[in-house]
Amino acid sequence: MSTPKDDKALTSFRESKWRYSQFVVLGLVVALVVKWLSSIGWAASLLIGAAVGAGYYWLERRRGVI
């Protein structure tokens, strides 16, 4: 039984097209935790999550990781 071979070598997470997904996931997790722990609405929770995701993105850019 043969399996199809991919011509392209495996890339690292940094080189993959999913490298920015970590910031979105972090923002959504923070938004869910904020909504769960506080009585504020979804819009405010999502704004806080977006701020955390953007801040983490900025930190990684500043460090030179991305």
N, C-alpha and C. Protein backbone atom coordinates (compact mmCIF):
# COMPACT_ATOMS: atom_id res chain seq x y z
N MET A 1 0.84 -1.17 0.00
CA MET A 1 0.00 0.00 0.00
C MET A 1 0.90 1.24 0.00
N SER A 2 0.71 2.08 -0.95
CA SER A 2 1.55 3.27 -1.04
C SER A 2 0.76 4.50 -0.62
N THR A 3 1.46 5.45 -0.07
CA THR A 3 0.84 6.70 0.33
C THR A 3 1.36 7.81 -0.57
N PRO A 4 0.52 8.77 -0.88
CA PRO A 4 0.99 9.86 -1.74
C PRO A 4 2.04 10.70 -1.01
N LYS A 5 3.04 11.08 -1.73
CA LYS A 5 4.12 11.89 -1.15
C LYS A 5 3.89 13.36 -1.49
N ASP A 6 4.15 14.16 -0.53
CA ASP A 6 4.04 15.60 -0.74
C ASP A 6 5.37 16.12 -1.27
N ASP A 7 5.32 16.88 -2.35
CA ASP A 7 6.56 17.41 -2.93
C ASP A 7 7.19 18.47 -2.04
N LYS A 8 6.37 19.13 -1.27
CA LYS A 8 6.85 20.22 -0.44
C LYS A 8 7.31 19.67 0.91
N ALA A 9 8.46 20.12 1.34
CA ALA A 9 8.97 19.68 2.64
C ALA A 9 8.12 20.29 3.75
N LEU A 10 8.08 19.61 4.88
CA LEU A 10 7.34 20.14 6.01
C LEU A 10 7.97 21.44 6.48
N THR A 11 7.14 22.41 6.74
CA THR A 11 7.65 23.70 7.20
C THR A 11 7.43 23.82 8.70
N SER A 12 8.16 24.72 9.29
CA SER A 12 7.97 24.97 10.71
C SER A 12 6.70 25.80 10.91
N PHE A 13 6.28 25.89 12.16
CA PHE A 13 5.07 26.67 12.45
C PHE A 13 5.27 28.12 12.06
N ARG A 14 6.48 28.63 12.22
CA ARG A 14 6.76 30.02 11.86
C ARG A 14 6.57 30.27 10.38
N GLU A 15 6.84 29.28 9.55
CA GLU A 15 6.74 29.44 8.10
C GLU A 15 5.38 29.01 7.56
N SER A 16 4.54 28.44 8.40
CA SER A 16 3.26 27.95 7.91
C SER A 16 2.26 29.08 7.77
N LYS A 17 1.19 28.79 7.06
CA LYS A 17 0.15 29.81 6.87
C LYS A 17 -0.68 30.00 8.14
N TRP A 18 -0.50 29.15 9.13
CA TRP A 18 -1.27 29.22 10.37
C TRP A 18 -0.54 29.97 11.47
N ARG A 19 0.57 30.62 11.16
CA ARG A 19 1.40 31.23 12.21
C ARG A 19 0.68 32.34 12.97
N TYR A 20 -0.29 32.97 12.36
CA TYR A 20 -1.00 34.05 13.04
C TYR A 20 -2.23 33.56 13.80
N SER A 21 -2.57 32.29 13.66
CA SER A 21 -3.76 31.77 14.33
C SER A 21 -3.61 31.77 15.85
N GLN A 22 -2.38 31.71 16.35
CA GLN A 22 -2.18 31.69 17.80
C GLN A 22 -2.70 32.96 18.46
N PHE A 23 -2.63 34.08 17.77
CA PHE A 23 -3.10 35.34 18.33
C PHE A 23 -4.62 35.38 18.38
N VAL A 24 -5.26 34.82 17.37
CA VAL A 24 -6.72 34.76 17.34
C VAL A 24 -7.22 33.83 18.43
N VAL A 25 -6.59 32.67 18.57
CA VAL A 25 -7.00 31.70 19.59
C VAL A 25 -6.81 32.30 20.98
N LEU A 26 -5.68 32.95 21.21
CA LEU A 26 -5.45 33.58 22.51
C LEU A 26 -6.50 34.64 22.80
N GLY A 27 -6.83 35.45 21.81
CA GLY A 27 -7.85 36.48 22.00
C GLY A 27 -9.21 35.90 22.32
N LEU A 28 -9.58 34.81 21.64
CA LEU A 28 -10.87 34.17 21.92
C LEU A 28 -10.90 33.53 23.30
N VAL A 29 -9.81 32.90 23.69
CA VAL A 29 -9.75 32.29 25.03
C VAL A 29 -9.86 33.36 26.11
N VAL A 30 -9.15 34.45 25.94
CA VAL A 30 -9.23 35.55 26.91
C VAL A 30 -10.64 36.12 26.95
N ALA A 31 -11.26 36.29 25.79
CA ALA A 31 -12.63 36.82 25.75
C ALA A 31 -13.60 35.89 26.48
N LEU A 32 -13.45 34.58 26.29
CA LEU A 32 -14.32 33.63 26.99
C LEU A 32 -14.10 33.67 28.50
N VAL A 33 -12.85 33.75 28.92
CA VAL A 33 -12.56 33.80 30.36
C VAL A 33 -13.09 35.09 30.97
N VAL A 34 -12.90 36.21 30.28
CA VAL A 34 -13.40 37.48 30.79
C VAL A 34 -14.92 37.45 30.89
N LYS A 35 -15.59 36.92 29.89
CA LYS A 35 -17.05 36.83 29.91
C LYS A 35 -17.52 35.92 31.03
N TRP A 36 -16.80 34.83 31.24
CA TRP A 36 -17.19 33.86 32.26
C TRP A 36 -16.99 34.43 33.67
N LEU A 37 -15.91 35.19 33.88
CA LEU A 37 -15.59 35.69 35.21
C LEU A 37 -16.24 37.03 35.56
N SER A 38 -16.77 37.73 34.58
CA SER A 38 -17.34 39.05 34.86
C SER A 38 -18.75 39.14 34.30
N SER A 39 -19.38 40.25 34.61
CA SER A 39 -20.76 40.44 34.16
C SER A 39 -20.84 41.38 32.95
N ILE A 40 -19.72 41.66 32.32
CA ILE A 40 -19.76 42.55 31.15
C ILE A 40 -20.27 41.78 29.93
N GLY A 41 -20.66 42.50 28.92
CA GLY A 41 -21.25 41.88 27.74
C GLY A 41 -20.21 41.26 26.81
N TRP A 42 -20.74 40.61 25.78
CA TRP A 42 -19.87 39.92 24.82
C TRP A 42 -19.00 40.89 24.03
N ALA A 43 -19.57 42.05 23.68
CA ALA A 43 -18.80 43.00 22.87
C ALA A 43 -17.56 43.48 23.63
N ALA A 44 -17.74 43.81 24.90
CA ALA A 44 -16.61 44.26 25.71
C ALA A 44 -15.60 43.13 25.91
N SER A 45 -16.10 41.92 26.12
CA SER A 45 -15.20 40.77 26.29
C SER A 45 -14.38 40.53 25.03
N LEU A 46 -15.02 40.64 23.88
CA LEU A 46 -14.30 40.45 22.62
C LEU A 46 -13.28 41.56 22.38
N LEU A 47 -13.61 42.77 22.78
CA LEU A 47 -12.65 43.87 22.66
C LEU A 47 -11.43 43.64 23.55
N ILE A 48 -11.66 43.16 24.76
CA ILE A 48 -10.54 42.86 25.66
C ILE A 48 -9.70 41.73 25.08
N GLY A 49 -10.35 40.69 24.56
CA GLY A 49 -9.62 39.59 23.94
C GLY A 49 -8.83 40.04 22.73
N ALA A 50 -9.42 40.92 21.93
CA ALA A 50 -8.72 41.45 20.76
C ALA A 50 -7.51 42.27 21.18
N ALA A 51 -7.65 43.04 22.25
CA ALA A 51 -6.53 43.84 22.74
C ALA A 51 -5.40 42.94 23.23
N VAL A 52 -5.73 41.85 23.91
CA VAL A 52 -4.70 40.92 24.39
C VAL A 52 -4.02 40.24 23.21
N GLY A 53 -4.81 39.78 22.22
CA GLY A 53 -4.22 39.14 21.04
C GLY A 53 -3.33 40.10 20.27
N ALA A 54 -3.77 41.34 20.11
CA ALA A 54 -2.97 42.34 19.40
C ALA A 54 -1.71 42.69 20.19
N GLY A 55 -1.83 42.76 21.51
CA GLY A 55 -0.67 43.03 22.34
C GLY A 55 0.36 41.93 22.26
N TYR A 56 -0.11 40.69 22.26
CA TYR A 56 0.82 39.56 22.14
C TYR A 56 1.48 39.55 20.75
N TYR A 57 0.70 39.88 19.72
CA TYR A 57 1.26 39.99 18.37
C TYR A 57 2.36 41.06 18.33
N TRP A 58 2.07 42.21 18.93
CA TRP A 58 3.04 43.30 18.96
C TRP A 58 4.30 42.88 19.70
N LEU A 59 4.13 42.17 20.83
CA LEU A 59 5.28 41.70 21.61
C LEU A 59 6.14 40.74 20.79
N GLU A 60 5.51 39.81 20.08
CA GLU A 60 6.27 38.86 19.28
C GLU A 60 6.96 39.55 18.10
N ARG A 61 6.32 40.55 17.51
CA ARG A 61 6.96 41.31 16.43
C ARG A 61 8.17 42.07 16.97
N ARG A 62 8.02 42.63 18.14
CA ARG A 62 9.12 43.40 18.74
C ARG A 62 10.29 42.50 19.09
N ARG A 63 10.01 41.29 19.53
CA ARG A 63 11.07 40.34 19.84
C ARG A 63 11.75 39.80 18.59
N GLY A 64 11.10 39.95 17.45
CA GLY A 64 11.67 39.48 16.20
C GLY A 64 11.35 38.04 15.88
N VAL A 65 10.37 37.48 16.58
CA VAL A 65 9.99 36.08 16.35
C VAL A 65 9.21 35.95 15.06
N ILE A 66 8.40 36.94 14.76
CA ILE A 66 7.58 36.89 13.54
C ILE A 66 8.18 37.82 12.51
